[in-house]
Amino acid sequence: MAALLYSSFSVKSTGRARIAVAFGVWGVFAFYNLVRRAFNEVQALLSCAVFAVMPGGIVVDRSFLPDQ
């Protein structure tokens, strides 16, 4: 799916960064909805705060979209 977005975001490093940010924000939003359905809103907010500051998402995005 990310490859299809290259035409609108460009192939340069700034375009790759925009794709990584877009999928990162989408991941936090999806994780919030998952935890909110399973538990409650307070736990979802706390979980997303931890998830947003952990470097795991950045590592995944960087391994998927390496520098040229």
C-alpha atoms as a PDB file:
ATOM      1  CA  MET A   1       0.000   0.000   0.000  1.00  0.00           C
ATOM      2  CA  ALA A   2       2.856   2.363   0.775  1.00  0.00           C
ATOM      3  CA  ALA A   3       4.181   1.869  -2.737  1.00  0.00           C
ATOM      4  CA  LEU A   4       0.901   3.130  -4.161  1.00  0.00           C
ATOM      5  CA  LEU A   5       1.213   6.320  -2.115  1.00  0.00           C
ATOM      6  CA  TYR A   6       4.607   7.186  -3.630  1.00  0.00           C
ATOM      7  CA  SER A   7       2.951   8.944  -6.556  1.00  0.00           C
ATOM      8  CA  SER A   8       1.235  11.443  -4.258  1.00  0.00           C
ATOM      9  CA  PHE A   9       3.991  11.769  -1.637  1.00  0.00           C
ATOM     10  CA  SER A  10       7.045  11.577  -3.976  1.00  0.00           C
ATOM     11  CA  VAL A  11       9.926   9.133  -3.909  1.00  0.00           C
ATOM     12  CA  LYS A  12      12.393  11.487  -2.204  1.00  0.00           C
ATOM     13  CA  SER A  13      13.289  11.186   1.476  1.00  0.00           C
ATOM     14  CA  THR A  14      10.740  13.820   2.485  1.00  0.00           C
ATOM     15  CA  GLY A  15       8.011  11.801   0.811  1.00  0.00           C
ATOM     16  CA  ARG A  16       9.120   8.649   2.605  1.00  0.00           C
ATOM     17  CA  ALA A  17       9.080  10.537   5.900  1.00  0.00           C
ATOM     18  CA  ARG A  18       5.523  11.678   5.242  1.00  0.00           C
ATOM     19  CA  ILE A  19       4.439   8.104   4.592  1.00  0.00           C
ATOM     20  CA  ALA A  20       6.140   6.922   7.791  1.00  0.00           C
ATOM     21  CA  VAL A  21       4.433   9.661   9.818  1.00  0.00           C
ATOM     22  CA  ALA A  22       1.044   8.920   8.247  1.00  0.00           C
ATOM     23  CA  PHE A  23       1.243   5.220   9.050  1.00  0.00           C
ATOM     24  CA  GLY A  24       2.609   5.971  12.539  1.00  0.00           C
ATOM     25  CA  VAL A  25      -0.330   8.219  13.369  1.00  0.00           C
ATOM     26  CA  TRP A  26      -2.726   5.697  11.894  1.00  0.00           C
ATOM     27  CA  GLY A  27      -1.130   2.981  14.059  1.00  0.00           C
ATOM     28  CA  VAL A  28      -1.633   4.980  17.254  1.00  0.00           C
ATOM     29  CA  PHE A  29      -5.253   5.691  16.310  1.00  0.00           C
ATOM     30  CA  ALA A  30      -5.936   2.014  15.523  1.00  0.00           C
ATOM     31  CA  PHE A  31      -4.264   0.911  18.759  1.00  0.00           C
ATOM     32  CA  TYR A  32      -6.383   3.396  20.733  1.00  0.00           C
ATOM     33  CA  ASN A  33      -9.592   1.989  19.263  1.00  0.00           C
ATOM     34  CA  LEU A  34      -8.496  -1.579  19.961  1.00  0.00           C
ATOM     35  CA  VAL A  35      -7.651  -0.932  23.613  1.00  0.00           C
ATOM     36  CA  ARG A  36     -10.770   1.204  24.139  1.00  0.00           C
ATOM     37  CA  ARG A  37     -12.997  -1.615  22.915  1.00  0.00           C
ATOM     38  CA  ALA A  38     -11.210  -4.188  25.065  1.00  0.00           C
ATOM     39  CA  PHE A  39     -10.887  -2.107  28.253  1.00  0.00           C
ATOM     40  CA  ASN A  40     -11.857   1.524  28.829  1.00  0.00           C
ATOM     41  CA  GLU A  41     -10.936   4.989  27.593  1.00  0.00           C
ATOM     42  CA  VAL A  42      -8.460   5.809  30.377  1.00  0.00           C
ATOM     43  CA  GLN A  43      -6.432   2.683  29.729  1.00  0.00           C
ATOM     44  CA  ALA A  44      -6.589   3.365  25.982  1.00  0.00           C
ATOM     45  CA  LEU A  45      -5.162   6.858  26.446  1.00  0.00           C
ATOM     46  CA  LEU A  46      -2.384   5.606  28.717  1.00  0.00           C
ATOM     47  CA  SER A  47      -1.570   2.742  26.350  1.00  0.00           C
ATOM     48  CA  CYS A  48      -1.385   5.075  23.369  1.00  0.00           C
ATOM     49  CA  ALA A  49       0.833   7.504  25.260  1.00  0.00           C
ATOM     50  CA  VAL A  50       3.301   4.703  25.968  1.00  0.00           C
ATOM     51  CA  PHE A  51       2.980   3.352  22.437  1.00  0.00           C
ATOM     52  CA  ALA A  52       3.606   6.786  20.915  1.00  0.00           C
ATOM     53  CA  VAL A  53       6.875   7.384  22.781  1.00  0.00           C
ATOM     54  CA  MET A  54       8.329   3.892  22.373  1.00  0.00           C
ATOM     55  CA  PRO A  55      10.806   3.633  19.480  1.00  0.00           C
ATOM     56  CA  GLY A  56       9.409   0.374  18.083  1.00  0.00           C
ATOM     57  CA  GLY A  57       7.231   2.075  15.482  1.00  0.00           C
ATOM     58  CA  ILE A  58      10.109   4.219  14.318  1.00  0.00           C
ATOM     59  CA  VAL A  59      12.351   1.185  13.906  1.00  0.00           C
ATOM     60  CA  VAL A  60       9.699  -0.621  11.851  1.00  0.00           C
ATOM     61  CA  ASP A  61       9.101   2.427   9.653  1.00  0.00           C
ATOM     62  CA  ARG A  62      12.826   2.914   9.079  1.00  0.00           C
ATOM     63  CA  SER A  63      13.381  -0.738   8.187  1.00  0.00           C
ATOM     64  CA  PHE A  64      10.493  -0.663   5.709  1.00  0.00           C
ATOM     65  CA  LEU A  65      11.553   2.643   4.157  1.00  0.00           C
ATOM     66  CA  PRO A  66      15.371   2.650   4.201  1.00  0.00           C
ATOM     67  CA  ASP A  67      17.492   5.610   3.168  1.00  0.00           C
ATOM     68  CA  GLN A  68      18.859   5.618  -0.344  1.00  0.00           C
END
